[in-house]
Structures are given as structure tokens and as C-alpha cells.
Amino acid sequence: MIEKKDLEYVAALAKLKLREEDLEKVREKFSMVLDYVSMLNKLDIEEVEPLINVNGMTNVMREDEVGESMNRETLLANAPEKMYGCIKVSKIIE
């Protein structure tokens, strides 16, 4: 069973504010999770291959190809504000 002070510490790390009446319920549930993980730690997985991809698909890689670009005026046609041939955006860093 997890100690009350340990549960309060974990709750503080998770930025959770637990009421005093909820602490015991959460403590029981948390202990159940820890007991389950403890059971999993006892399993012999020495011969189990690591699972890297569940469906066996891999990324399809291709060479980059240079193509024609769109006209700058066409791209900027719907921009709400333009400056020096670019889209003007609000400053976000002070």
C-alpha cells in the first residue's frame, strides 16, 4: 500500500489537488495499479522480441524532386497582410 505522503507527493507532481476525503480512494486505486505493475515485473520476457511496429509497415522513402513553384502573387492573393513580398504575421516573441 502506498504511503499517504508518497501519494501527496505524486499528486503534487501531477499538479492534482486531492481533497482529504478522496485521498483514501485514490490511494487504494493507486496501490492496485502498483500491484499490477509488480505482477508484470515478475514475468519472464527473456525470449520475447521487442515490438517495434504493430502492423509491419515501413516508411516509403523517395528522392526529393525539384518541381515548379507557384506564382508569388497567387500565393499572396488571400493573405490578410503582406510585407516585402511575404505574408506579414503578428509578433509573438517580445
PDB file of N, CA and C in Angstrom:
ATOM      1  N   MET A   1       0.853  -1.179   0.000  1.00  0.00           N
ATOM      2  CA  MET A   1       0.000   0.000   0.000  1.00  0.00           C
ATOM      3  C   MET A   1       0.896   1.239   0.000  1.00  0.00           C
ATOM      4  N   ILE A   2       0.590   2.196  -0.845  1.00  0.00           N
ATOM      5  CA  ILE A   2       1.382   3.415  -0.937  1.00  0.00           C
ATOM      6  C   ILE A   2       1.108   4.312   0.274  1.00  0.00           C
ATOM      7  N   GLU A   3       2.142   4.937   0.758  1.00  0.00           N
ATOM      8  CA  GLU A   3       2.001   5.818   1.917  1.00  0.00           C
ATOM      9  C   GLU A   3       1.300   7.110   1.516  1.00  0.00           C
ATOM     10  N   LYS A   4       0.613   7.716   2.468  1.00  0.00           N
ATOM     11  CA  LYS A   4      -0.133   8.947   2.214  1.00  0.00           C
ATOM     12  C   LYS A   4       0.792  10.070   1.736  1.00  0.00           C
ATOM     13  N   LYS A   5       1.947  10.201   2.357  1.00  0.00           N
ATOM     14  CA  LYS A   5       2.874  11.270   1.973  1.00  0.00           C
ATOM     15  C   LYS A   5       3.404  11.057   0.553  1.00  0.00           C
ATOM     16  N   ASP A   6       3.594   9.789   0.149  1.00  0.00           N
ATOM     17  CA  ASP A   6       4.043   9.497  -1.206  1.00  0.00           C
ATOM     18  C   ASP A   6       2.955   9.840  -2.217  1.00  0.00           C
ATOM     19  N   LEU A   7       1.712   9.536  -1.875  1.00  0.00           N
ATOM     20  CA  LEU A   7       0.602   9.864  -2.756  1.00  0.00           C
ATOM     21  C   LEU A   7       0.463  11.374  -2.902  1.00  0.00           C
ATOM     22  N   GLU A   8       0.603  12.097  -1.815  1.00  0.00           N
ATOM     23  CA  GLU A   8       0.521  13.561  -1.886  1.00  0.00           C
ATOM     24  C   GLU A   8       1.648  14.128  -2.742  1.00  0.00           C
ATOM     25  N   TYR A   9       2.829  13.509  -2.656  1.00  0.00           N
ATOM     26  CA  TYR A   9       3.964  13.942  -3.472  1.00  0.00           C
ATOM     27  C   TYR A   9       3.682  13.705  -4.961  1.00  0.00           C
ATOM     28  N   VAL A  10       3.181  12.520  -5.300  1.00  0.00           N
ATOM     29  CA  VAL A  10       2.855  12.203  -6.696  1.00  0.00           C
ATOM     30  C   VAL A  10       1.756  13.132  -7.196  1.00  0.00           C
ATOM     31  N   ALA A  11       0.752  13.395  -6.372  1.00  0.00           N
ATOM     32  CA  ALA A  11      -0.330  14.308  -6.758  1.00  0.00           C
ATOM     33  C   ALA A  11       0.218  15.706  -7.007  1.00  0.00           C
ATOM     34  N   ALA A  12       1.161  16.146  -6.191  1.00  0.00           N
ATOM     35  CA  ALA A  12       1.754  17.470  -6.387  1.00  0.00           C
ATOM     36  C   ALA A  12       2.549  17.515  -7.691  1.00  0.00           C
ATOM     37  N   LEU A  13       3.262  16.437  -8.008  1.00  0.00           N
ATOM     38  CA  LEU A  13       3.997  16.384  -9.270  1.00  0.00           C
ATOM     39  C   LEU A  13       3.053  16.470 -10.464  1.00  0.00           C
ATOM     40  N   ALA A  14       1.880  15.840 -10.335  1.00  0.00           N
ATOM     41  CA  ALA A  14       0.886  15.846 -11.408  1.00  0.00           C
ATOM     42  C   ALA A  14      -0.007  17.079 -11.343  1.00  0.00           C
ATOM     43  N   LYS A  15       0.288  17.974 -10.386  1.00  0.00           N
ATOM     44  CA  LYS A  15      -0.499  19.194 -10.196  1.00  0.00           C
ATOM     45  C   LYS A  15      -1.970  18.887  -9.939  1.00  0.00           C
ATOM     46  N   LEU A  16      -2.207  17.844  -9.135  1.00  0.00           N
ATOM     47  CA  LEU A  16      -3.559  17.468  -8.741  1.00  0.00           C
ATOM     48  C   LEU A  16      -3.819  17.952  -7.324  1.00  0.00           C
ATOM     49  N   LYS A  17      -4.985  18.472  -7.110  1.00  0.00           N
ATOM     50  CA  LYS A  17      -5.384  18.875  -5.768  1.00  0.00           C
ATOM     51  C   LYS A  17      -6.432  17.878  -5.295  1.00  0.00           C
ATOM     52  N   LEU A  18      -6.043  17.015  -4.378  1.00  0.00           N
ATOM     53  CA  LEU A  18      -6.935  15.981  -3.875  1.00  0.00           C
ATOM     54  C   LEU A  18      -7.527  16.424  -2.544  1.00  0.00           C
ATOM     55  N   ARG A  19      -8.829  16.231  -2.431  1.00  0.00           N
ATOM     56  CA  ARG A  19      -9.470  16.513  -1.147  1.00  0.00           C
ATOM     57  C   ARG A  19      -9.114  15.399  -0.180  1.00  0.00           C
ATOM     58  N   GLU A  20      -9.163  15.717   1.090  1.00  0.00           N
ATOM     59  CA  GLU A  20      -8.807  14.749   2.131  1.00  0.00           C
ATOM     60  C   GLU A  20      -9.671  13.496   2.055  1.00  0.00           C
ATOM     61  N   GLU A  21     -10.963  13.671   1.751  1.00  0.00           N
ATOM     62  CA  GLU A  21     -11.860  12.515   1.688  1.00  0.00           C
ATOM     63  C   GLU A  21     -11.614  11.647   0.456  1.00  0.00           C
ATOM     64  N   ASP A  22     -10.948  12.192  -0.566  1.00  0.00           N
ATOM     65  CA  ASP A  22     -10.656  11.411  -1.767  1.00  0.00           C
ATOM     66  C   ASP A  22      -9.313  10.693  -1.686  1.00  0.00           C
ATOM     67  N   LEU A  23      -8.480  11.104  -0.759  1.00  0.00           N
ATOM     68  CA  LEU A  23      -7.140  10.528  -0.669  1.00  0.00           C
ATOM     69  C   LEU A  23      -7.142   9.020  -0.475  1.00  0.00           C
ATOM     70  N   GLU A  24      -7.997   8.514   0.380  1.00  0.00           N
ATOM     71  CA  GLU A  24      -8.015   7.076   0.653  1.00  0.00           C
ATOM     72  C   GLU A  24      -8.459   6.278  -0.570  1.00  0.00           C
ATOM     73  N   LYS A  25      -9.486   6.792  -1.302  1.00  0.00           N
ATOM     74  CA  LYS A  25      -9.938   6.093  -2.512  1.00  0.00           C
ATOM     75  C   LYS A  25      -8.838   6.073  -3.565  1.00  0.00           C
ATOM     76  N   VAL A  26      -8.195   7.220  -3.754  1.00  0.00           N
ATOM     77  CA  VAL A  26      -7.125   7.302  -4.748  1.00  0.00           C
ATOM     78  C   VAL A  26      -5.953   6.428  -4.321  1.00  0.00           C
ATOM     79  N   ARG A  27      -5.685   6.402  -3.046  1.00  0.00           N
ATOM     80  CA  ARG A  27      -4.589   5.577  -2.521  1.00  0.00           C
ATOM     81  C   ARG A  27      -4.832   4.095  -2.807  1.00  0.00           C
ATOM     82  N   GLU A  28      -6.068   3.637  -2.632  1.00  0.00           N
ATOM     83  CA  GLU A  28      -6.399   2.238  -2.933  1.00  0.00           C
ATOM     84  C   GLU A  28      -6.236   1.938  -4.413  1.00  0.00           C
ATOM     85  N   LYS A  29      -6.736   2.836  -5.268  1.00  0.00           N
ATOM     86  CA  LYS A  29      -6.642   2.625  -6.721  1.00  0.00           C
ATOM     87  C   LYS A  29      -5.182   2.645  -7.168  1.00  0.00           C
ATOM     88  N   PHE A  30      -4.419   3.576  -6.636  1.00  0.00           N
ATOM     89  CA  PHE A  30      -3.008   3.682  -6.980  1.00  0.00           C
ATOM     90  C   PHE A  30      -2.257   2.429  -6.551  1.00  0.00           C
ATOM     91  N   SER A  31      -2.603   1.914  -5.396  1.00  0.00           N
ATOM     92  CA  SER A  31      -1.965   0.680  -4.917  1.00  0.00           C
ATOM     93  C   SER A  31      -2.309  -0.496  -5.820  1.00  0.00           C
ATOM     94  N   MET A  32      -3.542  -0.542  -6.324  1.00  0.00           N
ATOM     95  CA  MET A  32      -3.925  -1.609  -7.250  1.00  0.00           C
ATOM     96  C   MET A  32      -3.076  -1.538  -8.518  1.00  0.00           C
ATOM     97  N   VAL A  33      -2.840  -0.333  -9.023  1.00  0.00           N
ATOM     98  CA  VAL A  33      -2.018  -0.172 -10.232  1.00  0.00           C
ATOM     99  C   VAL A  33      -0.591  -0.630  -9.942  1.00  0.00           C
ATOM    100  N   LEU A  34      -0.053  -0.218  -8.804  1.00  0.00           N
ATOM    101  CA  LEU A  34       1.315  -0.620  -8.458  1.00  0.00           C
ATOM    102  C   LEU A  34       1.425  -2.127  -8.273  1.00  0.00           C
ATOM    103  N   ASP A  35       0.400  -2.760  -7.704  1.00  0.00           N
ATOM    104  CA  ASP A  35       0.403  -4.212  -7.554  1.00  0.00           C
ATOM    105  C   ASP A  35       0.400  -4.899  -8.914  1.00  0.00           C
ATOM    106  N   TYR A  36      -0.369  -4.360  -9.861  1.00  0.00           N
ATOM    107  CA  TYR A  36      -0.429  -4.927 -11.209  1.00  0.00           C
ATOM    108  C   TYR A  36       0.928  -4.798 -11.899  1.00  0.00           C
ATOM    109  N   VAL A  37       1.550  -3.642 -11.784  1.00  0.00           N
ATOM    110  CA  VAL A  37       2.877  -3.446 -12.376  1.00  0.00           C
ATOM    111  C   VAL A  37       3.878  -4.395 -11.734  1.00  0.00           C
ATOM    112  N   SER A  38       3.741  -4.613 -10.445  1.00  0.00           N
ATOM    113  CA  SER A  38       4.616  -5.554  -9.755  1.00  0.00           C
ATOM    114  C   SER A  38       4.461  -6.962 -10.332  1.00  0.00           C
ATOM    115  N   MET A  39       3.233  -7.346 -10.640  1.00  0.00           N
ATOM    116  CA  MET A  39       3.000  -8.657 -11.271  1.00  0.00           C
ATOM    117  C   MET A  39       3.672  -8.714 -12.640  1.00  0.00           C
ATOM    118  N   LEU A  40       3.582  -7.641 -13.411  1.00  0.00           N
ATOM    119  CA  LEU A  40       4.192  -7.621 -14.739  1.00  0.00           C
ATOM    120  C   LEU A  40       5.712  -7.721 -14.651  1.00  0.00           C
ATOM    121  N   ASN A  41       6.281  -7.134 -13.620  1.00  0.00           N
ATOM    122  CA  ASN A  41       7.733  -7.195 -13.454  1.00  0.00           C
ATOM    123  C   ASN A  41       8.218  -8.614 -13.183  1.00  0.00           C
ATOM    124  N   LYS A  42       7.365  -9.489 -12.721  1.00  0.00           N
ATOM    125  CA  LYS A  42       7.743 -10.872 -12.420  1.00  0.00           C
ATOM    126  C   LYS A  42       7.729 -11.777 -13.658  1.00  0.00           C
ATOM    127  N   LEU A  43       7.146 -11.297 -14.757  1.00  0.00           N
ATOM    128  CA  LEU A  43       7.056 -12.108 -15.967  1.00  0.00           C
ATOM    129  C   LEU A  43       8.431 -12.321 -16.588  1.00  0.00           C
ATOM    130  N   ASP A  44       8.626 -13.530 -17.141  1.00  0.00           N
ATOM    131  CA  ASP A  44       9.865 -13.849 -17.835  1.00  0.00           C
ATOM    132  C   ASP A  44       9.707 -13.439 -19.299  1.00  0.00           C
ATOM    133  N   ILE A  45      10.378 -12.388 -19.686  1.00  0.00           N
ATOM    134  CA  ILE A  45      10.267 -11.902 -21.072  1.00  0.00           C
ATOM    135  C   ILE A  45      11.603 -12.012 -21.800  1.00  0.00           C
ATOM    136  N   GLU A  46      12.451 -12.890 -21.328  1.00  0.00           N
ATOM    137  CA  GLU A  46      13.786 -13.053 -21.890  1.00  0.00           C
ATOM    138  C   GLU A  46      13.737 -13.410 -23.377  1.00  0.00           C
ATOM    139  N   GLU A  47      12.812 -14.261 -23.768  1.00  0.00           N
ATOM    140  CA  GLU A  47      12.734 -14.730 -25.152  1.00  0.00           C
ATOM    141  C   GLU A  47      11.781 -13.919 -26.022  1.00  0.00           C
ATOM    142  N   VAL A  48      11.202 -12.865 -25.493  1.00  0.00           N
ATOM    143  CA  VAL A  48      10.231 -12.065 -26.252  1.00  0.00           C
ATOM    144  C   VAL A  48      10.962 -10.998 -27.054  1.00  0.00           C
ATOM    145  N   GLU A  49      10.681 -10.974 -28.361  1.00  0.00           N
ATOM    146  CA  GLU A  49      11.276  -9.964 -29.232  1.00  0.00           C
ATOM    147  C   GLU A  49      10.607  -8.620 -28.984  1.00  0.00           C
ATOM    148  N   PRO A  50      11.362  -7.520 -29.013  1.00  0.00           N
ATOM    149  CA  PRO A  50      10.739  -6.208 -28.846  1.00  0.00           C
ATOM    150  C   PRO A  50       9.826  -5.887 -30.018  1.00  0.00           C
ATOM    151  N   LEU A  51       8.709  -5.277 -29.725  1.00  0.00           N
ATOM    152  CA  LEU A  51       7.744  -4.902 -30.758  1.00  0.00           C
ATOM    153  C   LEU A  51       8.059  -3.487 -31.208  1.00  0.00           C
ATOM    154  N   ILE A  52       8.434  -3.343 -32.447  1.00  0.00           N
ATOM    155  CA  ILE A  52       8.800  -2.035 -32.974  1.00  0.00           C
ATOM    156  C   ILE A  52       7.634  -1.414 -33.727  1.00  0.00           C
ATOM    157  N   ASN A  53       6.912  -2.228 -34.484  1.00  0.00           N
ATOM    158  CA  ASN A  53       5.827  -1.715 -35.305  1.00  0.00           C
ATOM    159  C   ASN A  53       4.706  -2.746 -35.305  1.00  0.00           C
ATOM    160  N   VAL A  54       3.487  -2.337 -34.983  1.00  0.00           N
ATOM    161  CA  VAL A  54       2.411  -3.308 -34.841  1.00  0.00           C
ATOM    162  C   VAL A  54       1.868  -3.823 -36.169  1.00  0.00           C
ATOM    163  N   ASN A  55       2.000  -3.043 -37.243  1.00  0.00           N
ATOM    164  CA  ASN A  55       1.410  -3.501 -38.496  1.00  0.00           C
ATOM    165  C   ASN A  55       2.436  -3.872 -39.562  1.00  0.00           C
ATOM    166  N   GLY A  56       3.722  -3.782 -39.248  1.00  0.00           N
ATOM    167  CA  GLY A  56       4.743  -4.228 -40.194  1.00  0.00           C
ATOM    168  C   GLY A  56       5.035  -3.265 -41.328  1.00  0.00           C
ATOM    169  N   MET A  57       4.366  -2.141 -41.381  1.00  0.00           N
ATOM    170  CA  MET A  57       4.614  -1.187 -42.462  1.00  0.00           C
ATOM    171  C   MET A  57       5.865  -0.374 -42.163  1.00  0.00           C
ATOM    172  N   THR A  58       6.537   0.036 -43.213  1.00  0.00           N
ATOM    173  CA  THR A  58       7.705   0.892 -43.062  1.00  0.00           C
ATOM    174  C   THR A  58       7.477   2.176 -43.851  1.00  0.00           C
ATOM    175  N   ASN A  59       8.263   3.200 -43.537  1.00  0.00           N
ATOM    176  CA  ASN A  59       8.140   4.454 -44.260  1.00  0.00           C
ATOM    177  C   ASN A  59       8.577   4.271 -45.701  1.00  0.00           C
ATOM    178  N   VAL A  60       7.863   4.913 -46.593  1.00  0.00           N
ATOM    179  CA  VAL A  60       8.230   4.888 -48.003  1.00  0.00           C
ATOM    180  C   VAL A  60       9.087   6.114 -48.249  1.00  0.00           C
ATOM    181  N   MET A  61      10.318   5.889 -48.631  1.00  0.00           N
ATOM    182  CA  MET A  61      11.231   6.987 -48.877  1.00  0.00           C
ATOM    183  C   MET A  61      11.412   7.165 -50.367  1.00  0.00           C
ATOM    184  N   ARG A  62      11.506   8.409 -50.784  1.00  0.00           N
ATOM    185  CA  ARG A  62      11.758   8.696 -52.188  1.00  0.00           C
ATOM    186  C   ARG A  62      12.712   9.866 -52.267  1.00  0.00           C
ATOM    187  N   GLU A  63      13.333  10.034 -53.389  1.00  0.00           N
ATOM    188  CA  GLU A  63      14.228  11.161 -53.612  1.00  0.00           C
ATOM    189  C   GLU A  63      13.407  12.434 -53.766  1.00  0.00           C
ATOM    190  N   ASP A  64      13.937  13.519 -53.236  1.00  0.00           N
ATOM    191  CA  ASP A  64      13.284  14.815 -53.442  1.00  0.00           C
ATOM    192  C   ASP A  64      13.443  15.222 -54.894  1.00  0.00           C
ATOM    193  N   GLU A  65      12.379  15.745 -55.435  1.00  0.00           N
ATOM    194  CA  GLU A  65      12.416  16.221 -56.814  1.00  0.00           C
ATOM    195  C   GLU A  65      12.011  17.680 -56.835  1.00  0.00           C
ATOM    196  N   VAL A  66      12.807  18.480 -57.512  1.00  0.00           N
ATOM    197  CA  VAL A  66      12.504  19.902 -57.651  1.00  0.00           C
ATOM    198  C   VAL A  66      11.418  20.039 -58.701  1.00  0.00           C
ATOM    199  N   GLY A  67      10.348  20.754 -58.313  1.00  0.00           N
ATOM    200  CA  GLY A  67       9.252  20.978 -59.253  1.00  0.00           C
ATOM    201  C   GLY A  67       9.001  22.459 -59.420  1.00  0.00           C
ATOM    202  N   GLU A  68       8.019  22.767 -60.198  1.00  0.00           N
ATOM    203  CA  GLU A  68       7.682  24.174 -60.412  1.00  0.00           C
ATOM    204  C   GLU A  68       7.001  24.738 -59.184  1.00  0.00           C
ATOM    205  N   SER A  69       7.353  25.972 -58.856  1.00  0.00           N
ATOM    206  CA  SER A  69       6.731  26.663 -57.739  1.00  0.00           C
ATOM    207  C   SER A  69       5.534  27.443 -58.226  1.00  0.00           C
ATOM    208  N   MET A  70       4.638  27.770 -57.282  1.00  0.00           N
ATOM    209  CA  MET A  70       3.501  28.606 -57.644  1.00  0.00           C
ATOM    210  C   MET A  70       3.959  30.056 -57.735  1.00  0.00           C
ATOM    211  N   ASN A  71       3.200  30.830 -58.426  1.00  0.00           N
ATOM    212  CA  ASN A  71       3.459  32.248 -58.588  1.00  0.00           C
ATOM    213  C   ASN A  71       3.280  32.945 -57.240  1.00  0.00           C
ATOM    214  N   ARG A  72       4.224  33.836 -56.881  1.00  0.00           N
ATOM    215  CA  ARG A  72       4.172  34.528 -55.594  1.00  0.00           C
ATOM    216  C   ARG A  72       2.890  35.334 -55.442  1.00  0.00           C
ATOM    217  N   GLU A  73       2.452  36.015 -56.478  1.00  0.00           N
ATOM    218  CA  GLU A  73       1.223  36.813 -56.401  1.00  0.00           C
ATOM    219  C   GLU A  73       0.000  35.935 -56.140  1.00  0.00           C
ATOM    220  N   THR A  74      -0.014  34.753 -56.713  1.00  0.00           N
ATOM    221  CA  THR A  74      -1.122  33.824 -56.482  1.00  0.00           C
ATOM    222  C   THR A  74      -1.135  33.369 -55.028  1.00  0.00           C
ATOM    223  N   LEU A  75       0.039  33.047 -54.496  1.00  0.00           N
ATOM    224  CA  LEU A  75       0.134  32.605 -53.106  1.00  0.00           C
ATOM    225  C   LEU A  75      -0.258  33.705 -52.123  1.00  0.00           C
ATOM    226  N   LEU A  76       0.097  34.946 -52.422  1.00  0.00           N
ATOM    227  CA  LEU A  76      -0.184  36.057 -51.521  1.00  0.00           C
ATOM    228  C   LEU A  76      -1.565  36.669 -51.727  1.00  0.00           C
ATOM    229  N   ALA A  77      -2.317  36.197 -52.699  1.00  0.00           N
ATOM    230  CA  ALA A  77      -3.605  36.800 -53.031  1.00  0.00           C
ATOM    231  C   ALA A  77      -4.573  36.793 -51.849  1.00  0.00           C
ATOM    232  N   ASN A  78      -4.583  35.738 -51.050  1.00  0.00           N
ATOM    233  CA  ASN A  78      -5.526  35.639 -49.931  1.00  0.00           C
ATOM    234  C   ASN A  78      -4.913  35.988 -48.579  1.00  0.00           C
ATOM    235  N   ALA A  79      -3.663  36.445 -48.568  1.00  0.00           N
ATOM    236  CA  ALA A  79      -3.021  36.807 -47.306  1.00  0.00           C
ATOM    237  C   ALA A  79      -3.662  38.090 -46.774  1.00  0.00           C
ATOM    238  N   PRO A  80      -4.000  38.122 -45.488  1.00  0.00           N
ATOM    239  CA  PRO A  80      -4.636  39.323 -44.941  1.00  0.00           C
ATOM    240  C   PRO A  80      -3.702  40.540 -44.964  1.00  0.00           C
ATOM    241  N   GLU A  81      -2.405  40.331 -44.712  1.00  0.00           N
ATOM    242  CA  GLU A  81      -1.428  41.422 -44.781  1.00  0.00           C
ATOM    243  C   GLU A  81      -0.161  40.909 -45.439  1.00  0.00           C
ATOM    244  N   LYS A  82       0.449  41.791 -46.241  1.00  0.00           N
ATOM    245  CA  LYS A  82       1.692  41.429 -46.924  1.00  0.00           C
ATOM    246  C   LYS A  82       2.744  42.488 -46.623  1.00  0.00           C
ATOM    247  N   MET A  83       4.013  42.055 -46.606  1.00  0.00           N
ATOM    248  CA  MET A  83       5.107  42.993 -46.418  1.00  0.00           C
ATOM    249  C   MET A  83       6.334  42.426 -47.107  1.00  0.00           C
ATOM    250  N   TYR A  84       6.966  43.193 -47.966  1.00  0.00           N
ATOM    251  CA  TYR A  84       8.179  42.811 -48.684  1.00  0.00           C
ATOM    252  C   TYR A  84       7.985  41.499 -49.456  1.00  0.00           C
ATOM    253  N   GLY A  85       6.828  41.285 -50.007  1.00  0.00           N
ATOM    254  CA  GLY A  85       6.570  40.096 -50.801  1.00  0.00           C
ATOM    255  C   GLY A  85       6.351  38.841 -49.974  1.00  0.00           C
ATOM    256  N   CYS A  86       6.092  38.998 -48.674  1.00  0.00           N
ATOM    257  CA  CYS A  86       5.848  37.865 -47.787  1.00  0.00           C
ATOM    258  C   CYS A  86       4.560  38.094 -47.008  1.00  0.00           C
ATOM    259  N   ILE A  87       4.063  37.062 -46.365  1.00  0.00           N
ATOM    260  CA  ILE A  87       2.888  37.193 -45.508  1.00  0.00           C
ATOM    261  C   ILE A  87       3.337  37.823 -44.206  1.00  0.00           C
ATOM    262  N   LYS A  88       2.676  38.909 -43.797  1.00  0.00           N
ATOM    263  CA  LYS A  88       3.006  39.578 -42.551  1.00  0.00           C
ATOM    264  C   LYS A  88       2.199  38.939 -41.431  1.00  0.00           C
ATOM    265  N   VAL A  89       2.901  38.561 -40.354  1.00  0.00           N
ATOM    266  CA  VAL A  89       2.233  37.956 -39.189  1.00  0.00           C
ATOM    267  C   VAL A  89       2.532  38.788 -37.960  1.00  0.00           C
ATOM    268  N   SER A  90       1.729  38.615 -36.938  1.00  0.00           N
ATOM    269  CA  SER A  90       1.913  39.339 -35.696  1.00  0.00           C
ATOM    270  C   SER A  90       3.164  38.848 -34.986  1.00  0.00           C
ATOM    271  N   LYS A  91       3.798  39.751 -34.268  1.00  0.00           N
ATOM    272  CA  LYS A  91       4.980  39.397 -33.482  1.00  0.00           C
ATOM    273  C   LYS A  91       4.534  38.556 -32.300  1.00  0.00           C
ATOM    274  N   ILE A  92       5.209  37.423 -32.079  1.00  0.00           N
ATOM    275  CA  ILE A  92       4.810  36.549 -30.962  1.00  0.00           C
ATOM    276  C   ILE A  92       5.871  36.468 -29.879  1.00  0.00           C
ATOM    277  N   ILE A  93       7.066  36.959 -30.138  1.00  0.00           N
ATOM    278  CA  ILE A  93       8.127  36.926 -29.140  1.00  0.00           C
ATOM    279  C   ILE A  93       8.510  38.361 -28.828  1.00  0.00           C
ATOM    280  N   GLU A  94       8.537  38.673 -27.559  1.00  0.00           N
ATOM    281  CA  GLU A  94       8.917  40.034 -27.137  1.00  0.00           C
ATOM    282  C   GLU A  94      10.415  40.140 -27.016  1.00  0.00           C
TER     283      GLU A  94
END
